[in-house]
Amino acid sequence: MNGRGLAWLGTALVASGIALLAIGSVISPATGDPTGTGWTGAGMMGGAGMMGGAWSGPASAPGPGQAGFVAGTQAAPRVVRIVATPQLRFSPDVVTIQAGETITFEVTTMGPTVHEFMVGPAADVAADTAGTPEIEDIGMMQTGSLTYTFTGPGPFAYACHVTGHYEAGMMGTIVVQ
């Protein structure tokens, strides 16, 4: 193998290692995040982060029934962070809202698989109905956002309809309180 081939191989191995570190942080989440950032433990150079800290999941605004909860409005939506995993799951897969609340979903893809995020009435989400609000083509380590106001009685849901993902179980439930 020539020098150029070795350079490409090395680059591919480094990229794969970084992706595996990110995937591992989703598969083995830690608990006890005192910072509210989603990261715990000491990372590279003593701080929290991918190179040593453990990721406990996304930090979202408190939900109904939690201390500090403030219902999202159209003027000031509540932020809910969701991770689309390489295991074709959403984390969290259940989101609790207050009736009539406006939520901004910030959806981040972890790993090399491209995902989408569709949210709305459960029947429309399940059927992949055209016009149902969605974020398309969220690539590796990218975040897309979508703001939705939950009007009506529900039920509501979210899902990824990239080929085979929904069928594999990539969906979530919205619980209205």
Protein backbone atom coordinates (compact mmCIF):
# COMPACT_ATOMS: atom_id res chain seq x y z
CA MET A 1 0.00 0.00 0.00
CA ASN A 2 1.39 3.41 -0.93
CA GLY A 3 1.55 6.49 1.31
CA ARG A 4 -1.71 7.94 -0.01
CA GLY A 5 -3.57 4.68 0.72
CA LEU A 6 -2.17 4.59 4.25
CA ALA A 7 -3.23 8.20 4.81
CA TRP A 8 -6.81 7.40 3.73
CA LEU A 9 -6.85 4.28 5.91
CA GLY A 10 -5.64 6.29 8.91
CA THR A 11 -8.27 8.97 8.33
CA ALA A 12 -11.00 6.34 8.06
CA LEU A 13 -9.84 4.68 11.30
CA VAL A 14 -9.80 7.99 13.19
CA ALA A 15 -13.31 8.87 11.94
CA SER A 16 -14.56 5.41 12.90
CA GLY A 17 -13.04 5.73 16.36
CA ILE A 18 -14.72 9.09 16.94
CA ALA A 19 -18.07 7.67 15.78
CA LEU A 20 -17.65 4.68 18.10
CA LEU A 21 -16.91 6.97 21.04
CA ALA A 22 -20.09 8.91 20.31
CA ILE A 23 -22.11 5.71 19.92
CA GLY A 24 -20.66 4.29 23.14
CA SER A 25 -21.73 7.38 25.04
CA VAL A 26 -25.33 6.78 23.97
CA ILE A 27 -25.28 3.03 24.64
CA SER A 28 -23.79 3.35 28.14
CA PRO A 29 -25.32 6.49 29.61
CA ALA A 30 -24.21 7.70 33.01
CA THR A 31 -26.39 9.06 35.77
CA GLY A 32 -26.15 12.04 38.07
CA ASP A 33 -25.53 15.01 35.81
CA PRO A 34 -25.07 17.92 38.24
CA THR A 35 -24.24 20.37 35.44
CA GLY A 36 -27.46 20.00 33.47
CA THR A 37 -25.41 19.69 30.28
CA GLY A 38 -25.89 15.98 29.71
CA TRP A 39 -22.20 15.25 30.43
CA THR A 40 -20.72 13.85 33.63
CA GLY A 41 -17.23 12.89 34.72
CA ALA A 42 -13.84 14.22 33.72
CA GLY A 43 -13.00 14.37 30.06
CA MET A 44 -9.80 15.14 28.23
CA MET A 45 -7.77 17.86 29.99
CA GLY A 46 -9.96 17.56 33.09
CA GLY A 47 -13.24 18.85 31.70
CA ALA A 48 -16.38 17.00 30.73
CA GLY A 49 -16.65 15.82 27.15
CA MET A 50 -16.55 13.07 24.57
CA MET A 51 -12.95 12.13 25.24
CA GLY A 52 -13.53 10.87 28.77
CA GLY A 53 -16.73 12.21 30.25
CA ALA A 54 -19.86 10.07 30.13
CA TRP A 55 -22.92 11.42 28.36
CA SER A 56 -26.15 10.95 30.30
CA GLY A 57 -28.50 12.15 27.60
CA PRO A 58 -29.70 15.51 26.45
CA ALA A 59 -30.55 18.22 28.93
CA SER A 60 -34.08 19.52 28.35
CA ALA A 61 -36.22 22.04 30.16
CA PRO A 62 -38.16 20.47 33.08
CA GLY A 63 -41.44 18.77 32.13
CA PRO A 64 -44.85 18.89 33.82
CA GLY A 65 -44.62 17.86 37.46
CA GLN A 66 -40.88 18.62 37.69
CA ALA A 67 -39.40 21.47 39.71
CA GLY A 68 -38.96 24.58 37.59
CA PHE A 69 -41.51 23.55 34.94
CA VAL A 70 -42.78 26.40 32.78
CA ALA A 71 -45.23 25.49 30.02
CA GLY A 72 -44.01 26.40 26.55
CA THR A 73 -45.91 29.10 24.68
CA GLN A 74 -45.76 30.20 21.05
CA ALA A 75 -43.72 33.22 22.18
CA ALA A 76 -41.42 31.12 24.38
CA PRO A 77 -41.52 27.41 23.51
CA ARG A 78 -40.17 24.82 25.94
CA VAL A 79 -37.12 23.02 24.52
CA VAL A 80 -37.09 19.22 24.47
CA ARG A 81 -33.87 17.60 23.24
CA ILE A 82 -34.06 14.20 21.57
CA VAL A 83 -31.28 11.94 20.35
CA ALA A 84 -31.73 9.72 17.28
CA THR A 85 -29.49 6.72 17.96
CA PRO A 86 -27.69 4.27 15.67
CA GLN A 87 -29.85 1.56 17.28
CA LEU A 88 -32.88 3.11 15.52
CA ARG A 89 -34.39 4.52 18.70
CA PHE A 90 -35.20 7.95 20.06
CA SER A 91 -34.00 8.95 23.50
CA PRO A 92 -36.19 9.77 25.26
CA ASP A 93 -38.98 7.76 23.63
CA VAL A 94 -41.69 9.33 25.82
CA VAL A 95 -42.17 13.09 26.24
CA THR A 96 -44.69 14.52 28.70
CA ILE A 97 -46.36 17.81 27.82
CA GLN A 98 -49.11 20.04 29.11
CA ALA A 99 -52.25 20.32 26.95
CA GLY A 100 -51.90 23.23 24.51
CA GLU A 101 -48.16 23.56 25.08
CA THR A 102 -45.71 24.69 22.39
CA ILE A 103 -42.51 22.63 22.23
CA THR A 104 -39.33 23.13 20.23
CA PHE A 105 -37.81 19.71 19.58
CA GLU A 106 -34.05 19.77 19.06
CA VAL A 107 -33.16 16.43 17.48
CA THR A 108 -29.53 15.28 17.23
CA THR A 109 -28.34 12.24 15.30
CA MET A 110 -25.62 10.20 17.00
CA GLY A 111 -23.75 7.83 14.74
CA PRO A 112 -23.43 7.53 10.98
CA THR A 113 -27.11 6.92 10.11
CA VAL A 114 -29.27 9.71 8.68
CA HIS A 115 -32.63 10.13 10.44
CA GLU A 116 -35.74 12.29 10.24
CA PHE A 117 -38.17 13.45 12.93
CA MET A 118 -41.92 13.73 12.33
CA VAL A 119 -44.31 14.92 15.07
CA GLY A 120 -48.07 15.40 15.29
CA PRO A 121 -51.28 13.42 15.70
CA ALA A 122 -50.36 9.75 16.23
CA ALA A 123 -52.40 8.48 13.25
CA ASP A 124 -50.72 10.98 10.88
CA VAL A 125 -47.26 10.16 12.22
CA ALA A 126 -47.83 6.39 11.93
CA ALA A 127 -49.14 6.75 8.36
CA ASP A 128 -46.33 9.16 7.34
CA THR A 129 -49.04 11.55 6.15
CA ALA A 130 -47.86 14.28 3.80
CA GLY A 131 -47.91 17.69 5.46
CA THR A 132 -47.21 16.35 8.96
CA PRO A 133 -44.42 18.55 10.42
CA GLU A 134 -40.98 16.99 10.11
CA ILE A 135 -37.26 17.55 10.00
CA GLU A 136 -35.66 15.66 7.11
CA ASP A 137 -32.11 14.36 6.63
CA ILE A 138 -30.51 14.90 10.04
CA GLY A 139 -26.95 13.69 9.47
CA MET A 140 -24.28 12.45 11.88
CA MET A 141 -23.75 14.83 14.81
CA GLN A 142 -26.22 17.32 13.29
CA THR A 143 -29.17 18.87 15.09
CA GLY A 144 -32.44 19.95 13.52
CA SER A 145 -35.25 21.77 15.28
CA LEU A 146 -39.00 21.87 14.88
CA THR A 147 -41.56 23.82 16.91
CA TYR A 148 -45.04 22.34 17.37
CA THR A 149 -48.11 23.43 19.34
CA PHE A 150 -50.11 20.50 20.74
CA THR A 151 -53.77 21.43 20.26
CA GLY A 152 -56.64 18.98 20.55
CA PRO A 153 -56.96 15.86 22.67
CA GLY A 154 -54.30 13.73 21.00
CA PRO A 155 -52.90 11.14 20.99
CA PHE A 156 -49.64 12.54 19.65
CA ALA A 157 -46.44 10.80 18.60
CA TYR A 158 -43.12 11.21 16.81
CA ALA A 159 -41.23 8.91 14.46
CA CYS A 160 -38.50 8.44 11.89
CA HIS A 161 -39.72 7.19 8.51
CA VAL A 162 -36.35 6.70 6.83
CA THR A 163 -36.69 3.33 5.09
CA GLY A 164 -36.91 0.58 7.71
CA HIS A 165 -36.47 2.82 10.76
CA TYR A 166 -40.14 3.09 11.81
CA GLU A 167 -40.59 -0.64 11.23
CA ALA A 168 -37.59 -1.26 13.51
CA GLY A 169 -39.29 0.72 16.31
CA MET A 170 -37.97 4.24 15.84
CA MET A 171 -40.93 6.10 17.33
CA GLY A 172 -41.95 7.92 20.46
CA THR A 173 -45.04 8.85 22.41
CA ILE A 174 -46.26 12.25 23.59
CA VAL A 175 -48.11 12.03 26.93
CA VAL A 176 -50.53 14.92 27.48
CA GLN A 177 -51.17 15.95 31.10
